[in-house]
Amino acid sequence: MSLKPSATIRYTAMRLGIFVGCLVVVAGLVQLRWVPAGLGDANAAWVVLLALVLSAPLSYVLLRKQREEMSQQISGRVAGAKEKLAANRSQEDQADDAARV
C-alpha cells in the first residue's frame, strides 16, 4: 500500500507554496524599492496583502488540475456519507416499524 497524500493536502500544500513564493518575491521587491513599502509601520501587512493578491490568481490558474482532483475526491466522500445516512435512516425506519407491530 502506497502512502499517497490526499488531493486536499496536496492542493493546500501547493497553494501555500505559491503564497510563500509570492511573499518572498514581494519582500525582495520591497527591499529593492521597486514596490512601495506601504504606509508608515504597515510594511509587513502590505507585503502579506500584496502576496495574497498575487498568489490567488496564480493558484487559480496553475492549480486547476489539482483543484478538480480535490473536488472529485470531496464529492466522492460526500456521496458516501449520504449513502451511509440513507442506510441508517432505513434501518431506523425498519426498527420503528417493527416496534409498532
N, C-alpha and C. Protein backbone atom coordinates (compact mmCIF):
# COMPACT_ATOMS: atom_id res chain seq x y z
N MET A 1 0.85 -1.18 0.00
CA MET A 1 0.00 0.00 0.00
C MET A 1 0.89 1.24 0.00
N SER A 2 0.69 2.13 -0.96
CA SER A 2 1.50 3.34 -1.02
C SER A 2 0.86 4.44 -0.18
N LEU A 3 1.70 5.29 0.34
CA LEU A 3 1.22 6.39 1.16
C LEU A 3 1.11 7.64 0.30
N LYS A 4 0.09 7.71 -0.52
CA LYS A 4 -0.15 8.85 -1.39
C LYS A 4 -0.94 9.89 -0.62
N PRO A 5 -0.44 11.13 -0.56
CA PRO A 5 -1.19 12.15 0.18
C PRO A 5 -2.52 12.44 -0.52
N SER A 6 -3.49 12.81 0.27
CA SER A 6 -4.80 13.10 -0.31
C SER A 6 -4.72 14.34 -1.19
N ALA A 7 -5.67 14.44 -2.08
CA ALA A 7 -5.69 15.57 -3.01
C ALA A 7 -5.85 16.89 -2.26
N THR A 8 -6.58 16.86 -1.16
CA THR A 8 -6.79 18.08 -0.38
C THR A 8 -5.48 18.58 0.23
N ILE A 9 -4.72 17.65 0.80
CA ILE A 9 -3.45 18.02 1.42
C ILE A 9 -2.48 18.51 0.36
N ARG A 10 -2.43 17.81 -0.77
CA ARG A 10 -1.51 18.19 -1.84
C ARG A 10 -1.87 19.58 -2.39
N TYR A 11 -3.16 19.84 -2.62
CA TYR A 11 -3.59 21.14 -3.13
C TYR A 11 -3.27 22.26 -2.14
N THR A 12 -3.54 22.00 -0.87
CA THR A 12 -3.27 23.01 0.16
C THR A 12 -1.78 23.31 0.24
N ALA A 13 -0.96 22.27 0.20
CA ALA A 13 0.49 22.47 0.26
C ALA A 13 0.99 23.25 -0.95
N MET A 14 0.47 22.93 -2.12
CA MET A 14 0.90 23.64 -3.33
C MET A 14 0.44 25.10 -3.29
N ARG A 15 -0.75 25.33 -2.79
CA ARG A 15 -1.24 26.70 -2.69
C ARG A 15 -0.42 27.50 -1.69
N LEU A 16 -0.07 26.88 -0.57
CA LEU A 16 0.78 27.52 0.42
C LEU A 16 2.16 27.82 -0.18
N GLY A 17 2.67 26.89 -0.98
CA GLY A 17 3.96 27.11 -1.63
C GLY A 17 3.93 28.30 -2.57
N ILE A 18 2.86 28.43 -3.33
CA ILE A 18 2.73 29.58 -4.23
C ILE A 18 2.67 30.88 -3.42
N PHE A 19 1.93 30.86 -2.30
CA PHE A 19 1.85 32.05 -1.46
C PHE A 19 3.23 32.41 -0.90
N VAL A 20 3.95 31.42 -0.40
CA VAL A 20 5.29 31.70 0.17
C VAL A 20 6.22 32.24 -0.90
N GLY A 21 6.14 31.66 -2.10
CA GLY A 21 6.96 32.17 -3.20
C GLY A 21 6.63 33.62 -3.52
N CYS A 22 5.35 33.95 -3.57
CA CYS A 22 4.93 35.34 -3.82
C CYS A 22 5.39 36.24 -2.68
N LEU A 23 5.32 35.74 -1.46
CA LEU A 23 5.75 36.53 -0.31
C LEU A 23 7.24 36.87 -0.41
N VAL A 24 8.04 35.90 -0.79
CA VAL A 24 9.48 36.13 -0.94
C VAL A 24 9.75 37.13 -2.06
N VAL A 25 9.06 36.97 -3.18
CA VAL A 25 9.27 37.88 -4.31
C VAL A 25 8.85 39.30 -3.93
N VAL A 26 7.69 39.45 -3.30
CA VAL A 26 7.22 40.79 -2.92
C VAL A 26 8.17 41.42 -1.89
N ALA A 27 8.61 40.63 -0.91
CA ALA A 27 9.54 41.16 0.09
C ALA A 27 10.84 41.61 -0.58
N GLY A 28 11.30 40.83 -1.55
CA GLY A 28 12.51 41.23 -2.28
C GLY A 28 12.31 42.51 -3.07
N LEU A 29 11.15 42.63 -3.72
CA LEU A 29 10.86 43.85 -4.49
C LEU A 29 10.74 45.07 -3.58
N VAL A 30 10.19 44.88 -2.37
CA VAL A 30 10.10 45.98 -1.42
C VAL A 30 11.50 46.38 -0.96
N GLN A 31 12.35 45.39 -0.70
CA GLN A 31 13.72 45.69 -0.26
C GLN A 31 14.50 46.43 -1.35
N LEU A 32 14.24 46.08 -2.61
CA LEU A 32 14.90 46.77 -3.73
C LEU A 32 14.24 48.11 -4.04
N ARG A 33 13.15 48.40 -3.34
CA ARG A 33 12.37 49.63 -3.52
C ARG A 33 11.75 49.73 -4.91
N TRP A 34 11.43 48.58 -5.52
CA TRP A 34 10.73 48.56 -6.79
C TRP A 34 9.23 48.60 -6.55
N VAL A 35 8.82 48.26 -5.33
CA VAL A 35 7.43 48.28 -4.92
C VAL A 35 7.36 49.12 -3.65
N PRO A 36 6.36 49.98 -3.51
CA PRO A 36 6.27 50.79 -2.30
C PRO A 36 6.21 49.91 -1.05
N ALA A 37 6.80 50.40 0.03
CA ALA A 37 6.90 49.63 1.28
C ALA A 37 5.65 49.75 2.13
N GLY A 38 4.64 50.45 1.70
CA GLY A 38 3.43 50.61 2.50
C GLY A 38 3.41 51.97 3.16
N LEU A 39 2.44 52.16 4.04
CA LEU A 39 2.29 53.45 4.72
C LEU A 39 2.74 53.31 6.17
N GLY A 40 3.65 54.11 6.59
CA GLY A 40 4.08 54.10 7.98
C GLY A 40 4.64 52.75 8.41
N ASP A 41 4.07 52.20 9.46
CA ASP A 41 4.54 50.93 10.00
C ASP A 41 3.80 49.73 9.40
N ALA A 42 3.10 49.91 8.31
CA ALA A 42 2.30 48.85 7.72
C ALA A 42 3.09 48.00 6.72
N ASN A 43 4.40 48.00 6.80
CA ASN A 43 5.22 47.30 5.83
C ASN A 43 4.90 45.81 5.79
N ALA A 44 4.87 45.13 6.92
CA ALA A 44 4.62 43.69 6.94
C ALA A 44 3.22 43.36 6.42
N ALA A 45 2.24 44.13 6.86
CA ALA A 45 0.87 43.89 6.41
C ALA A 45 0.76 44.12 4.90
N TRP A 46 1.43 45.13 4.40
CA TRP A 46 1.41 45.43 2.97
C TRP A 46 2.03 44.28 2.17
N VAL A 47 3.15 43.78 2.62
CA VAL A 47 3.83 42.69 1.92
C VAL A 47 2.94 41.44 1.89
N VAL A 48 2.34 41.10 3.03
CA VAL A 48 1.47 39.92 3.11
C VAL A 48 0.24 40.11 2.23
N LEU A 49 -0.38 41.27 2.29
CA LEU A 49 -1.57 41.53 1.48
C LEU A 49 -1.26 41.47 -0.01
N LEU A 50 -0.17 42.06 -0.41
CA LEU A 50 0.21 42.02 -1.82
C LEU A 50 0.53 40.60 -2.27
N ALA A 51 1.18 39.82 -1.40
CA ALA A 51 1.47 38.42 -1.74
C ALA A 51 0.17 37.63 -1.87
N LEU A 52 -0.81 37.88 -1.01
CA LEU A 52 -2.11 37.21 -1.12
C LEU A 52 -2.81 37.56 -2.43
N VAL A 53 -2.78 38.83 -2.78
CA VAL A 53 -3.43 39.29 -4.00
C VAL A 53 -2.77 38.68 -5.23
N LEU A 54 -1.46 38.51 -5.20
CA LEU A 54 -0.76 37.91 -6.34
C LEU A 54 -0.92 36.39 -6.39
N SER A 55 -0.93 35.75 -5.23
CA SER A 55 -0.96 34.28 -5.21
C SER A 55 -2.35 33.72 -5.55
N ALA A 56 -3.41 34.45 -5.28
CA ALA A 56 -4.76 33.94 -5.55
C ALA A 56 -4.98 33.64 -7.04
N PRO A 57 -4.76 34.59 -7.95
CA PRO A 57 -4.98 34.25 -9.36
C PRO A 57 -3.96 33.24 -9.89
N LEU A 58 -2.73 33.29 -9.37
CA LEU A 58 -1.75 32.30 -9.79
C LEU A 58 -2.19 30.89 -9.40
N SER A 59 -2.69 30.74 -8.18
CA SER A 59 -3.19 29.44 -7.73
C SER A 59 -4.37 28.99 -8.57
N TYR A 60 -5.24 29.91 -8.87
CA TYR A 60 -6.43 29.58 -9.67
C TYR A 60 -6.03 29.02 -11.03
N VAL A 61 -5.05 29.63 -11.65
CA VAL A 61 -4.63 29.21 -12.98
C VAL A 61 -3.71 27.98 -12.92
N LEU A 62 -2.73 28.01 -12.06
CA LEU A 62 -1.71 26.97 -12.04
C LEU A 62 -2.18 25.66 -11.40
N LEU A 63 -3.14 25.72 -10.51
CA LEU A 63 -3.56 24.53 -9.77
C LEU A 63 -4.93 24.01 -10.20
N ARG A 64 -5.32 24.28 -11.42
CA ARG A 64 -6.64 23.86 -11.90
C ARG A 64 -6.80 22.34 -11.82
N LYS A 65 -5.81 21.60 -12.28
CA LYS A 65 -5.90 20.14 -12.28
C LYS A 65 -6.02 19.60 -10.85
N GLN A 66 -5.21 20.12 -9.94
CA GLN A 66 -5.24 19.66 -8.55
C GLN A 66 -6.56 20.03 -7.88
N ARG A 67 -7.11 21.19 -8.22
CA ARG A 67 -8.38 21.63 -7.64
C ARG A 67 -9.51 20.71 -8.11
N GLU A 68 -9.51 20.33 -9.39
CA GLU A 68 -10.53 19.42 -9.90
C GLU A 68 -10.41 18.04 -9.27
N GLU A 69 -9.17 17.57 -9.09
CA GLU A 69 -8.95 16.28 -8.43
C GLU A 69 -9.45 16.31 -7.00
N MET A 70 -9.16 17.39 -6.29
CA MET A 70 -9.62 17.54 -4.91
C MET A 70 -11.14 17.60 -4.87
N SER A 71 -11.76 18.28 -5.80
CA SER A 71 -13.21 18.39 -5.84
C SER A 71 -13.85 17.02 -6.06
N GLN A 72 -13.28 16.22 -6.94
CA GLN A 72 -13.81 14.88 -7.17
C GLN A 72 -13.68 14.02 -5.92
N GLN A 73 -12.55 14.15 -5.24
CA GLN A 73 -12.34 13.37 -4.02
C GLN A 73 -13.36 13.76 -2.95
N ILE A 74 -13.58 15.04 -2.79
CA ILE A 74 -14.53 15.51 -1.78
C ILE A 74 -15.95 15.12 -2.15
N SER A 75 -16.32 15.24 -3.44
CA SER A 75 -17.68 14.86 -3.83
C SER A 75 -17.89 13.36 -3.64
N GLY A 76 -16.86 12.56 -3.83
CA GLY A 76 -16.97 11.13 -3.56
C GLY A 76 -17.21 10.84 -2.09
N ARG A 77 -16.52 11.58 -1.23
CA ARG A 77 -16.73 11.42 0.21
C ARG A 77 -18.14 11.84 0.62
N VAL A 78 -18.62 12.92 0.04
CA VAL A 78 -19.97 13.39 0.36
C VAL A 78 -21.01 12.37 -0.09
N ALA A 79 -20.83 11.80 -1.27
CA ALA A 79 -21.77 10.78 -1.77
C ALA A 79 -21.76 9.56 -0.85
N GLY A 80 -20.59 9.15 -0.39
CA GLY A 80 -20.50 8.03 0.53
C GLY A 80 -21.20 8.31 1.85
N ALA A 81 -21.02 9.53 2.35
CA ALA A 81 -21.67 9.91 3.60
C ALA A 81 -23.19 9.94 3.44
N LYS A 82 -23.67 10.41 2.28
CA LYS A 82 -25.12 10.43 2.02
C LYS A 82 -25.67 9.02 1.97
N GLU A 83 -24.93 8.10 1.35
CA GLU A 83 -25.38 6.70 1.28
C GLU A 83 -25.47 6.09 2.68
N LYS A 84 -24.46 6.36 3.52
CA LYS A 84 -24.48 5.84 4.89
C LYS A 84 -25.64 6.42 5.68
N LEU A 85 -25.90 7.70 5.49
CA LEU A 85 -27.02 8.34 6.18
C LEU A 85 -28.35 7.73 5.75
N ALA A 86 -28.50 7.50 4.45
CA ALA A 86 -29.74 6.90 3.95
C ALA A 86 -29.90 5.48 4.49
N ALA A 87 -28.79 4.72 4.56
CA ALA A 87 -28.86 3.36 5.10
C ALA A 87 -29.24 3.38 6.57
N ASN A 88 -28.69 4.31 7.33
CA ASN A 88 -29.03 4.43 8.74
C ASN A 88 -30.50 4.81 8.93
N ARG A 89 -30.98 5.70 8.09
CA ARG A 89 -32.39 6.11 8.19
C ARG A 89 -33.32 4.93 7.90
N SER A 90 -32.96 4.14 6.88
CA SER A 90 -33.83 3.00 6.55
C SER A 90 -33.81 1.96 7.67
N GLN A 91 -32.65 1.78 8.32
CA GLN A 91 -32.58 0.85 9.46
C GLN A 91 -33.43 1.36 10.61
N GLU A 92 -33.38 2.65 10.87
CA GLU A 92 -34.20 3.23 11.94
C GLU A 92 -35.68 3.08 11.62
N ASP A 93 -36.05 3.31 10.35
CA ASP A 93 -37.45 3.17 9.95
C ASP A 93 -37.92 1.72 10.12
N GLN A 94 -37.08 0.77 9.75
CA GLN A 94 -37.43 -0.65 9.90
C GLN A 94 -37.58 -1.01 11.37
N ALA A 95 -36.66 -0.51 12.20
CA ALA A 95 -36.74 -0.80 13.63
C ALA A 95 -37.99 -0.17 14.24
N ASP A 96 -38.33 1.03 13.81
CA ASP A 96 -39.53 1.71 14.31
C ASP A 96 -40.78 0.96 13.87
N ASP A 97 -40.83 0.52 12.61
CA ASP A 97 -41.97 -0.25 12.11
C ASP A 97 -42.12 -1.57 12.87
N ALA A 98 -40.99 -2.22 13.13
CA ALA A 98 -41.04 -3.49 13.87
C ALA A 98 -41.51 -3.29 15.30
N ALA A 99 -41.13 -2.18 15.91
CA ALA A 99 -41.54 -1.91 17.30
C ALA A 99 -43.04 -1.59 17.38
N ARG A 100 -43.59 -1.03 16.33
CA ARG A 100 -45.02 -0.68 16.34
C ARG A 100 -45.90 -1.89 16.09
N VAL A 101 -45.36 -2.92 15.48
CA VAL A 101 -46.17 -4.11 15.17
C VAL A 101 -46.32 -4.96 16.34
